[in-house]
Amino acid sequence: MVEEDKMAKARVNARNELERYIYGIRNAICRIADEGSMEMVESAVGEASRWYGENQGASKVDHEKMLKKLEDVWNPIVNRLYHGA
């Protein structure tokens, strides 16, 4: 029972982290000047949002995988924006 509670809490935490990341990107997306990058980010966020809505019971690992996939698209763009690369 205790182990199940830990797993459930970890899954909820991973789900919440993914949700925060999705909304954070949506709030920051207006700063992207490059149309190609914006389309790529919007597509990735849309995919993550759909997945999030359709997979409420997904495992912690599955949520972390989706977060990683979104980070892989978003982080290079943010780095270019803030570091002028």
C-alpha atoms as a PDB file:
ATOM      1  CA  MET A   1       0.000   0.000   0.000  1.00  0.00           C
ATOM      2  CA  VAL A   2       2.783   2.442   0.901  1.00  0.00           C
ATOM      3  CA  GLU A   3       4.665   1.611  -2.301  1.00  0.00           C
ATOM      4  CA  GLU A   4       1.501   2.149  -4.361  1.00  0.00           C
ATOM      5  CA  ASP A   5       1.011   5.540  -2.710  1.00  0.00           C
ATOM      6  CA  LYS A   6       4.596   6.525  -3.522  1.00  0.00           C
ATOM      7  CA  MET A   7       4.145   5.491  -7.144  1.00  0.00           C
ATOM      8  CA  ALA A   8       0.859   7.373  -7.419  1.00  0.00           C
ATOM      9  CA  LYS A   9       2.420  10.502  -5.930  1.00  0.00           C
ATOM     10  CA  ALA A  10       5.392  10.261  -8.304  1.00  0.00           C
ATOM     11  CA  ARG A  11       3.032   9.872 -11.269  1.00  0.00           C
ATOM     12  CA  VAL A  12       1.004  12.917 -10.220  1.00  0.00           C
ATOM     13  CA  ASN A  13       4.173  14.959  -9.715  1.00  0.00           C
ATOM     14  CA  ALA A  14       5.447  13.992 -13.172  1.00  0.00           C
ATOM     15  CA  ARG A  15       2.069  14.841 -14.685  1.00  0.00           C
ATOM     16  CA  ASN A  16       2.041  18.235 -12.967  1.00  0.00           C
ATOM     17  CA  GLU A  17       5.578  18.970 -14.143  1.00  0.00           C
ATOM     18  CA  LEU A  18       4.607  18.230 -17.746  1.00  0.00           C
ATOM     19  CA  GLU A  19       1.539  20.463 -17.451  1.00  0.00           C
ATOM     20  CA  ARG A  20       3.607  23.351 -16.037  1.00  0.00           C
ATOM     21  CA  TYR A  21       6.118  22.991 -18.841  1.00  0.00           C
ATOM     22  CA  ILE A  22       3.416  23.020 -21.532  1.00  0.00           C
ATOM     23  CA  TYR A  23       1.849  26.186 -20.138  1.00  0.00           C
ATOM     24  CA  GLY A  24       5.211  27.839 -19.603  1.00  0.00           C
ATOM     25  CA  ILE A  25       6.060  27.345 -23.255  1.00  0.00           C
ATOM     26  CA  ARG A  26       2.675  28.648 -24.339  1.00  0.00           C
ATOM     27  CA  ASN A  27       3.275  31.804 -22.307  1.00  0.00           C
ATOM     28  CA  ALA A  28       6.764  32.334 -23.755  1.00  0.00           C
ATOM     29  CA  ILE A  29       6.115  31.388 -27.371  1.00  0.00           C
ATOM     30  CA  CYS A  30       5.302  34.955 -28.400  1.00  0.00           C
ATOM     31  CA  ARG A  31       9.002  35.830 -28.023  1.00  0.00           C
ATOM     32  CA  ILE A  32      10.009  33.579 -30.908  1.00  0.00           C
ATOM     33  CA  ALA A  33      10.701  35.643 -34.006  1.00  0.00           C
ATOM     34  CA  ASP A  34      11.599  32.777 -36.342  1.00  0.00           C
ATOM     35  CA  GLU A  35       8.428  31.434 -37.936  1.00  0.00           C
ATOM     36  CA  GLY A  36       9.906  27.977 -38.546  1.00  0.00           C
ATOM     37  CA  SER A  37      10.864  27.617 -34.898  1.00  0.00           C
ATOM     38  CA  MET A  38       7.463  28.872 -33.797  1.00  0.00           C
ATOM     39  CA  GLU A  39       5.689  26.278 -35.941  1.00  0.00           C
ATOM     40  CA  MET A  40       7.938  23.528 -34.601  1.00  0.00           C
ATOM     41  CA  VAL A  41       7.246  24.560 -30.990  1.00  0.00           C
ATOM     42  CA  GLU A  42       3.508  24.942 -31.558  1.00  0.00           C
ATOM     43  CA  SER A  43       3.406  21.469 -33.094  1.00  0.00           C
ATOM     44  CA  ALA A  44       5.345  19.936 -30.189  1.00  0.00           C
ATOM     45  CA  VAL A  45       3.188  21.719 -27.599  1.00  0.00           C
ATOM     46  CA  GLY A  46       0.025  20.628 -29.393  1.00  0.00           C
ATOM     47  CA  GLU A  47       1.206  17.032 -29.432  1.00  0.00           C
ATOM     48  CA  ALA A  48       2.147  17.165 -25.736  1.00  0.00           C
ATOM     49  CA  SER A  49      -1.183  18.783 -24.833  1.00  0.00           C
ATOM     50  CA  ARG A  50      -3.160  16.147 -26.705  1.00  0.00           C
ATOM     51  CA  TRP A  51      -1.098  13.385 -25.118  1.00  0.00           C
ATOM     52  CA  TYR A  52      -1.582  14.968 -21.691  1.00  0.00           C
ATOM     53  CA  GLY A  53      -5.352  15.075 -22.152  1.00  0.00           C
ATOM     54  CA  GLU A  54      -5.607  11.534 -23.461  1.00  0.00           C
ATOM     55  CA  ASN A  55      -3.234   9.837 -21.010  1.00  0.00           C
ATOM     56  CA  GLN A  56      -4.338  10.841 -17.538  1.00  0.00           C
ATOM     57  CA  GLY A  57      -3.488   7.434 -16.153  1.00  0.00           C
ATOM     58  CA  ALA A  58      -0.063   7.198 -17.795  1.00  0.00           C
ATOM     59  CA  SER A  59       2.909   6.212 -15.691  1.00  0.00           C
ATOM     60  CA  LYS A  60       5.524   8.531 -14.243  1.00  0.00           C
ATOM     61  CA  VAL A  61       8.014   7.250 -16.819  1.00  0.00           C
ATOM     62  CA  ASP A  62       5.632   7.983 -19.697  1.00  0.00           C
ATOM     63  CA  HIS A  63       5.091  11.539 -18.430  1.00  0.00           C
ATOM     64  CA  GLU A  64       8.838  12.020 -18.096  1.00  0.00           C
ATOM     65  CA  LYS A  65       9.365  10.751 -21.656  1.00  0.00           C
ATOM     66  CA  MET A  66       6.859  13.254 -23.029  1.00  0.00           C
ATOM     67  CA  LEU A  67       8.456  16.044 -20.994  1.00  0.00           C
ATOM     68  CA  LYS A  68      11.881  15.098 -22.378  1.00  0.00           C
ATOM     69  CA  LYS A  69      10.525  15.109 -25.926  1.00  0.00           C
ATOM     70  CA  LEU A  70       9.122  18.605 -25.408  1.00  0.00           C
ATOM     71  CA  GLU A  71      12.334  19.817 -23.762  1.00  0.00           C
ATOM     72  CA  ASP A  72      14.327  18.542 -26.744  1.00  0.00           C
ATOM     73  CA  VAL A  73      12.350  20.869 -29.017  1.00  0.00           C
ATOM     74  CA  TRP A  74      12.069  23.863 -26.690  1.00  0.00           C
ATOM     75  CA  ASN A  75      15.464  24.107 -24.975  1.00  0.00           C
ATOM     76  CA  PRO A  76      17.589  24.772 -28.099  1.00  0.00           C
ATOM     77  CA  ILE A  77      15.214  27.557 -29.127  1.00  0.00           C
ATOM     78  CA  VAL A  78      15.294  29.153 -25.685  1.00  0.00           C
ATOM     79  CA  ASN A  79      19.075  28.957 -25.653  1.00  0.00           C
ATOM     80  CA  ARG A  80      19.244  30.777 -28.997  1.00  0.00           C
ATOM     81  CA  LEU A  81      16.812  33.432 -27.775  1.00  0.00           C
ATOM     82  CA  TYR A  82      18.568  34.200 -24.522  1.00  0.00           C
ATOM     83  CA  HIS A  83      22.158  33.611 -25.565  1.00  0.00           C
ATOM     84  CA  GLY A  84      21.985  35.093 -29.041  1.00  0.00           C
ATOM     85  CA  ALA A  85      23.409  31.985 -30.669  1.00  0.00           C
END
